[in-house]
Amino acid sequence: PPPVLIRVHAVGLNPVDYKTISGSLSAFFAGPSVDAPLTPGKDVAGVVTATSSASPAFPVGSRVFGCLKGGALAEQVAAPESLLAAIPDGVSFVDAAATPLACLTVLQCLRRLQGQVGAGPDRVIPSLLVTAGAGGTGSFAVQLAKRVLRVPRVVTTVSGAKVAVATALGADEVIDYQTMPVRGALTGARRVAAALDAVGSTVSLLPTITPGGAVVSIGGPLQAGELGPWLPAGVPLYLRVALALLCAPVAVAAAVAGVAWSSLLLESKGSELADVAAWLADGSVVPLIDSVHDGLDGVRAAYGVLMGGHATGKVVVRVVAEGG
């Protein structure tokens, strides 16, 4: 796809960034080295300053956002048009930068769950559990499920201090996991048809899902088939074996519970992000922002907040002041 050059205005941070830097994801994403330095940052919002296409989808001056493979934490970054969408009027660079990776990931999870347990012509999920509903990812899941996909019953888990936040996002039931284990709160007729596991606790969630239901995990072991878009040359045999071993306990537990389990790794698509842009424009989705850190000098502090593990929503670096 033809690339465009973007003057970066804001960057949303994600755990995958610091995990890549640390080398903990080296089996999937190359970490930095002396010979191959790495600029982190996947979620970007900014203004197109140059394009290589004679008929660009985003002409010079366009406000755009997207989820890139990396390199966003810079003053400028090149990006393929296929990963971008236009930022709607009235949506800030900060809100746009906070959105792509997390919102696209949960959108793809929810659409998979619609196909597995959805009912009627609109494939409505009857009831859904979202873990960590006040976090950077879970907050988008609660909003999309309730306000866009019209799930009748959305349940989420949060720590006690964040109950009001989750309720405001649209959750019908909020479980304070510090005082009530989720498997104790969702038993018998209170169980759900589907779950979106954002924290890697799938095995403990299985008793809360009715037999015949489904769960999609984005925080636990990854199935080899999800790596296709990221490893176009193919998944090496050693990695397939390693992932199969990691997945086996979850897969067996899910089979015993009668629940369909799958993992999901985002495949970034500008076409889907255009849908998200429309929801940002009409207010169906409003990014939950934990903190905004100004300038590239603020990156260290921003990652400190993110790595602390208790952010309420997204952490964003504002590279250029709004309107600058």
Protein backbone atom coordinates (compact mmCIF):
# COMPACT_ATOMS: atom_id res chain seq x y z
CA PRO A 1 0.00 0.00 0.00
CA PRO A 2 1.32 3.51 -0.72
CA PRO A 3 2.75 5.18 2.38
CA VAL A 4 2.07 8.62 3.73
CA LEU A 5 4.23 10.70 6.02
CA ILE A 6 2.51 11.78 9.22
CA ARG A 7 3.45 14.62 11.52
CA VAL A 8 2.75 12.94 14.85
CA HIS A 9 0.50 14.85 17.24
CA ALA A 10 -0.33 12.13 19.80
CA VAL A 11 0.56 8.51 20.54
CA GLY A 12 -1.42 6.03 22.61
CA LEU A 13 0.68 3.59 24.64
CA ASN A 14 -0.01 -0.14 24.90
CA PRO A 15 1.55 -2.95 26.98
CA VAL A 16 2.85 -4.61 23.79
CA ASP A 17 5.22 -1.63 23.38
CA TYR A 18 7.20 -2.10 26.58
CA LYS A 19 6.98 -5.89 26.34
CA THR A 20 8.62 -5.69 22.91
CA ILE A 21 11.32 -3.36 24.23
CA SER A 22 12.06 -5.72 27.14
CA GLY A 23 12.43 -8.70 24.80
CA SER A 24 9.67 -10.69 26.49
CA LEU A 25 7.89 -10.99 23.13
CA SER A 26 11.03 -11.79 21.14
CA ALA A 27 9.47 -15.00 19.82
CA PHE A 28 6.86 -12.89 18.05
CA PHE A 29 8.28 -9.37 17.63
CA ALA A 30 11.96 -8.51 17.29
CA GLY A 31 13.23 -6.42 20.19
CA PRO A 32 15.77 -3.61 19.90
CA SER A 33 19.47 -4.27 19.35
CA VAL A 34 22.62 -2.28 18.61
CA ASP A 35 22.31 -3.10 14.92
CA ALA A 36 18.54 -2.66 14.77
CA PRO A 37 17.30 0.06 17.14
CA LEU A 38 13.56 0.15 17.69
CA THR A 39 11.19 3.08 18.06
CA PRO A 40 8.10 1.95 19.98
CA GLY A 41 4.54 3.14 19.60
CA LYS A 42 1.73 1.64 17.54
CA ASP A 43 -1.25 3.97 18.05
CA VAL A 44 -0.74 7.25 16.22
CA ALA A 45 -2.76 10.37 15.42
CA GLY A 46 -1.47 13.23 13.32
CA VAL A 47 -1.52 15.16 10.07
CA VAL A 48 -0.42 13.93 6.64
CA THR A 49 2.51 16.02 5.40
CA ALA A 50 3.48 14.03 2.28
CA THR A 51 2.16 11.17 0.17
CA SER A 52 3.66 8.91 -2.50
CA SER A 53 0.36 8.30 -4.29
CA ALA A 54 -0.93 10.25 -7.28
CA SER A 55 -4.47 9.72 -5.97
CA PRO A 56 -4.03 9.57 -2.21
CA ALA A 57 -6.78 8.35 0.07
CA PHE A 58 -5.50 10.92 2.57
CA PRO A 59 -4.24 14.11 0.90
CA VAL A 60 -1.68 16.38 2.54
CA GLY A 61 -3.33 18.13 5.48
CA SER A 62 -5.64 15.22 6.38
CA ARG A 63 -6.02 14.36 10.06
CA VAL A 64 -5.52 10.60 10.37
CA PHE A 65 -5.09 7.90 12.99
CA GLY A 66 -4.19 4.23 12.96
CA CYS A 67 -2.49 1.23 14.54
CA LEU A 68 0.97 0.75 13.02
CA LYS A 69 3.56 -2.00 13.44
CA GLY A 70 5.72 0.48 15.38
CA GLY A 71 7.64 3.71 15.25
CA ALA A 72 4.90 6.12 16.33
CA LEU A 73 6.80 7.71 19.23
CA ALA A 74 8.55 10.21 16.99
CA GLU A 75 8.01 13.61 15.43
CA GLN A 76 7.20 11.99 12.08
CA VAL A 77 6.34 8.46 10.96
CA ALA A 78 5.62 6.79 7.62
CA ALA A 79 2.52 4.61 7.47
CA PRO A 80 0.65 2.65 4.79
CA GLU A 81 -2.73 4.12 3.87
CA SER A 82 -4.39 0.73 4.49
CA LEU A 83 -3.85 1.07 8.25
CA LEU A 84 -5.28 4.57 8.55
CA ALA A 85 -8.65 6.29 8.84
CA ALA A 86 -9.68 9.92 8.92
CA ILE A 87 -10.14 11.52 12.33
CA PRO A 88 -13.70 12.92 12.48
CA ASP A 89 -14.23 16.62 13.04
CA GLY A 90 -14.56 17.36 16.72
CA VAL A 91 -12.43 14.38 17.82
CA SER A 92 -9.11 15.40 19.39
CA PHE A 93 -5.74 13.95 18.48
CA VAL A 94 -5.47 12.59 22.04
CA ASP A 95 -8.77 10.73 21.83
CA ALA A 96 -7.91 9.43 18.36
CA ALA A 97 -4.49 8.20 19.48
CA ALA A 98 -6.01 6.42 22.47
CA THR A 99 -8.30 4.34 20.31
CA PRO A 100 -6.96 2.13 17.47
CA LEU A 101 -5.22 -0.93 18.93
CA ALA A 102 -7.51 -1.49 21.90
CA CYS A 103 -10.78 -0.66 20.15
CA LEU A 104 -10.00 -2.66 17.00
CA THR A 105 -8.91 -5.64 19.10
CA VAL A 106 -12.13 -5.80 21.09
CA LEU A 107 -14.21 -5.12 17.98
CA GLN A 108 -12.67 -8.17 16.30
CA CYS A 109 -13.24 -10.21 19.48
CA LEU A 110 -16.87 -9.18 19.70
CA ARG A 111 -17.53 -9.89 16.03
CA ARG A 112 -16.08 -13.37 16.50
CA LEU A 113 -18.33 -13.92 19.52
CA GLN A 114 -21.31 -12.71 17.47
CA GLY A 115 -20.59 -15.43 14.95
CA GLN A 116 -20.31 -18.05 17.68
CA VAL A 117 -23.23 -17.28 20.01
CA GLY A 118 -25.11 -14.37 18.43
CA ALA A 119 -28.85 -14.72 17.88
CA GLY A 120 -31.23 -13.29 15.29
CA PRO A 121 -30.46 -11.43 12.08
CA ASP A 122 -28.20 -8.96 13.94
CA ARG A 123 -26.30 -11.77 15.69
CA VAL A 124 -26.88 -10.22 19.12
CA ILE A 125 -24.79 -11.71 21.93
CA PRO A 126 -27.34 -12.58 24.68
CA SER A 127 -25.03 -11.79 27.60
CA LEU A 128 -21.34 -10.93 27.88
CA LEU A 129 -18.67 -10.82 30.58
CA VAL A 130 -15.77 -8.39 30.06
CA THR A 131 -12.80 -8.57 32.41
CA ALA A 132 -11.14 -5.34 33.58
CA GLY A 133 -13.91 -3.12 32.26
CA ALA A 134 -12.28 0.12 33.42
CA GLY A 135 -8.94 -0.62 31.76
CA GLY A 136 -7.61 0.62 28.46
CA THR A 137 -8.99 -2.37 26.57
CA GLY A 138 -11.98 -3.40 28.66
CA SER A 139 -13.43 0.13 28.64
CA PHE A 140 -13.78 -0.06 24.85
CA ALA A 141 -15.27 -3.55 25.10
CA VAL A 142 -18.00 -2.44 27.48
CA GLN A 143 -18.93 0.55 25.29
CA LEU A 144 -18.91 -1.36 22.01
CA ALA A 145 -20.92 -4.22 23.48
CA LYS A 146 -23.57 -2.01 25.02
CA ARG A 147 -23.81 1.04 22.76
CA VAL A 148 -22.94 -0.40 19.35
CA LEU A 149 -23.74 -4.13 19.37
CA ARG A 150 -26.69 -3.72 21.77
CA VAL A 151 -25.84 -6.64 24.04
CA PRO A 152 -28.77 -6.83 26.51
CA ARG A 153 -26.64 -7.78 29.49
CA VAL A 154 -23.03 -6.68 29.90
CA VAL A 155 -21.19 -7.74 33.05
CA THR A 156 -17.69 -6.58 33.93
CA THR A 157 -15.09 -6.94 36.66
CA VAL A 158 -13.20 -4.03 38.24
CA SER A 159 -11.56 -3.12 41.52
CA GLY A 160 -13.88 -1.38 43.97
CA ALA A 161 -12.68 2.15 43.26
CA LYS A 162 -13.64 1.81 39.58
CA VAL A 163 -17.22 0.52 39.93
CA ALA A 164 -18.71 3.93 39.11
CA VAL A 165 -16.48 4.24 36.03
CA ALA A 166 -17.61 0.88 34.64
CA THR A 167 -21.26 1.72 35.28
CA ALA A 168 -20.90 5.03 33.45
CA LEU A 169 -19.40 3.18 30.47
CA GLY A 170 -22.60 1.16 30.17
CA ALA A 171 -22.09 -2.03 32.17
CA ASP A 172 -25.34 -3.52 33.48
CA GLU A 173 -23.61 -5.42 36.29
CA VAL A 174 -20.26 -4.61 37.87
CA ILE A 175 -18.41 -7.14 40.01
CA ASP A 176 -15.75 -5.92 42.43
CA TYR A 177 -13.26 -8.76 42.11
CA GLN A 178 -11.53 -7.65 45.31
CA THR A 179 -14.56 -8.62 47.38
CA MET A 180 -16.33 -11.22 45.20
CA PRO A 181 -14.66 -13.77 42.89
CA VAL A 182 -16.34 -13.62 39.50
CA ARG A 183 -17.02 -17.35 39.50
CA GLY A 184 -18.91 -16.89 42.76
CA ALA A 185 -21.02 -14.04 41.39
CA LEU A 186 -21.98 -15.70 38.10
CA THR A 187 -23.42 -19.11 38.89
CA GLY A 188 -26.45 -21.06 37.70
CA ALA A 189 -28.92 -18.89 35.80
CA ARG A 190 -26.63 -15.87 36.23
CA ARG A 191 -23.95 -17.31 33.97
CA VAL A 192 -23.22 -15.57 30.65
CA ALA A 193 -23.28 -16.75 27.05
CA ALA A 194 -19.89 -15.28 26.19
CA ALA A 195 -16.81 -13.68 27.69
CA LEU A 196 -14.02 -11.41 26.50
CA ASP A 197 -10.92 -12.09 28.58
CA ALA A 198 -8.60 -9.09 28.53
CA VAL A 199 -6.30 -10.21 31.35
CA GLY A 200 -5.45 -13.85 30.70
CA SER A 201 -7.76 -15.45 33.28
CA THR A 202 -9.72 -17.69 30.90
CA VAL A 203 -9.59 -20.87 32.96
CA SER A 204 -11.08 -19.14 36.02
CA LEU A 205 -13.84 -17.64 33.83
CA LEU A 206 -15.04 -20.93 32.35
CA PRO A 207 -17.48 -21.74 35.20
CA THR A 208 -19.22 -18.40 34.55
CA ILE A 209 -20.09 -19.31 30.93
CA THR A 210 -23.00 -21.53 29.99
CA PRO A 211 -22.15 -24.78 28.16
CA GLY A 212 -22.26 -24.06 24.43
CA GLY A 213 -20.99 -20.54 25.05
CA ALA A 214 -17.71 -18.98 23.93
CA VAL A 215 -14.77 -17.00 25.24
CA VAL A 216 -12.14 -15.05 23.32
CA SER A 217 -8.88 -14.23 25.08
CA ILE A 218 -6.48 -11.40 24.31
CA GLY A 219 -4.49 -11.64 27.51
CA GLY A 220 -3.52 -15.30 27.69
CA PRO A 221 -1.72 -17.92 25.60
CA LEU A 222 -1.83 -17.34 21.86
CA GLN A 223 -2.85 -19.92 19.29
CA ALA A 224 -0.38 -20.27 16.42
CA GLY A 225 -3.03 -19.59 13.80
CA GLU A 226 -3.36 -16.00 15.05
CA LEU A 227 0.21 -15.18 13.99
CA GLY A 228 -0.46 -15.44 10.26
CA PRO A 229 -0.78 -11.69 9.55
CA TRP A 230 2.35 -10.97 11.62
CA LEU A 231 4.58 -13.76 10.28
CA PRO A 232 3.85 -13.92 6.54
CA ALA A 233 6.76 -16.31 6.00
CA GLY A 234 4.99 -18.85 8.21
CA VAL A 235 5.08 -19.83 11.87
CA PRO A 236 8.21 -21.90 12.62
CA LEU A 237 7.63 -25.42 13.86
CA TYR A 238 9.37 -24.79 17.18
CA LEU A 239 7.03 -21.87 17.84
CA ARG A 240 3.95 -23.89 16.88
CA VAL A 241 4.97 -26.59 19.35
CA ALA A 242 5.71 -24.09 22.12
CA LEU A 243 2.40 -22.31 21.64
CA ALA A 244 0.49 -25.60 21.54
CA LEU A 245 1.99 -26.55 24.89
CA LEU A 246 1.09 -23.17 26.40
CA CYS A 247 -2.47 -23.39 25.05
CA ALA A 248 -3.11 -27.00 26.05
CA PRO A 249 -4.28 -26.39 29.66
CA VAL A 250 -6.77 -23.72 28.54
CA ALA A 251 -7.98 -25.75 25.55
CA VAL A 252 -8.55 -28.86 27.68
CA ALA A 253 -10.35 -26.93 30.44
CA ALA A 254 -12.57 -25.23 27.88
CA ALA A 255 -13.41 -28.53 26.20
CA VAL A 256 -14.38 -30.05 29.54
CA ALA A 257 -16.59 -27.02 30.29
CA GLY A 258 -18.23 -27.24 26.88
CA VAL A 259 -17.10 -23.72 25.98
CA ALA A 260 -15.50 -22.68 22.70
CA TRP A 261 -12.17 -20.96 23.43
CA SER A 262 -9.99 -18.97 21.07
CA SER A 263 -7.28 -16.35 21.30
CA LEU A 264 -7.04 -13.25 19.15
CA LEU A 265 -4.15 -11.13 17.91
CA LEU A 266 -5.18 -7.91 16.22
CA GLU A 267 -4.95 -7.57 12.47
CA SER A 268 -4.99 -3.80 11.97
CA LYS A 269 -7.34 -2.63 9.20
CA GLY A 270 -8.11 0.92 8.17
CA SER A 271 -11.51 -0.17 6.88
CA GLU A 272 -12.55 -1.32 10.36
CA LEU A 273 -11.03 1.79 11.91
CA ALA A 274 -13.33 3.85 9.68
CA ASP A 275 -16.26 2.17 11.46
CA VAL A 276 -14.68 3.08 14.79
CA ALA A 277 -14.25 6.68 13.59
CA ALA A 278 -17.99 6.91 12.93
CA TRP A 279 -18.69 5.73 16.49
CA LEU A 280 -16.24 8.29 17.87
CA ALA A 281 -18.01 10.96 15.84
CA ASP A 282 -21.49 10.14 17.13
CA GLY A 283 -20.37 9.59 20.73
CA SER A 284 -21.11 5.85 20.85
CA VAL A 285 -17.47 5.32 21.82
CA VAL A 286 -15.59 7.76 24.05
CA PRO A 287 -12.00 6.84 24.95
CA LEU A 288 -11.37 6.57 28.67
CA ILE A 289 -8.15 8.54 29.27
CA ASP A 290 -6.09 7.89 32.37
CA SER A 291 -3.41 10.52 31.75
CA VAL A 292 -1.82 12.67 29.04
CA HIS A 293 1.93 13.34 29.05
CA ASP A 294 3.27 16.27 27.03
CA GLY A 295 6.22 16.03 24.66
CA LEU A 296 8.52 13.15 23.82
CA ASP A 297 10.31 13.99 27.07
CA GLY A 298 7.17 12.72 28.83
CA VAL A 299 7.44 9.20 27.42
CA ARG A 300 9.34 7.77 30.40
CA ALA A 301 6.74 9.00 32.89
CA ALA A 302 3.94 7.77 30.63
CA TYR A 303 5.38 4.27 30.51
CA GLY A 304 5.81 4.38 34.27
CA VAL A 305 2.07 4.88 34.65
CA LEU A 306 1.24 2.16 32.11
CA MET A 307 3.64 -0.39 33.61
CA GLY A 308 2.23 0.28 37.06
CA GLY A 309 -0.76 -1.79 35.95
CA HIS A 310 -3.50 0.31 37.52
CA ALA A 311 -4.30 2.89 34.86
CA THR A 312 -7.97 3.78 34.49
CA GLY A 313 -8.17 3.81 30.71
CA LYS A 314 -5.47 4.79 28.24
CA VAL A 315 -2.13 6.54 28.70
CA VAL A 316 -1.33 9.02 25.89
CA VAL A 317 1.75 11.03 24.92
CA ARG A 318 0.84 14.39 23.34
CA VAL A 319 3.77 15.12 21.03
CA VAL A 320 2.34 18.40 19.71
CA ALA A 321 -0.09 20.66 21.56
CA GLU A 322 -3.63 20.53 20.14
CA GLY A 323 -3.80 23.01 17.27
CA GLY A 324 -0.01 23.20 17.08
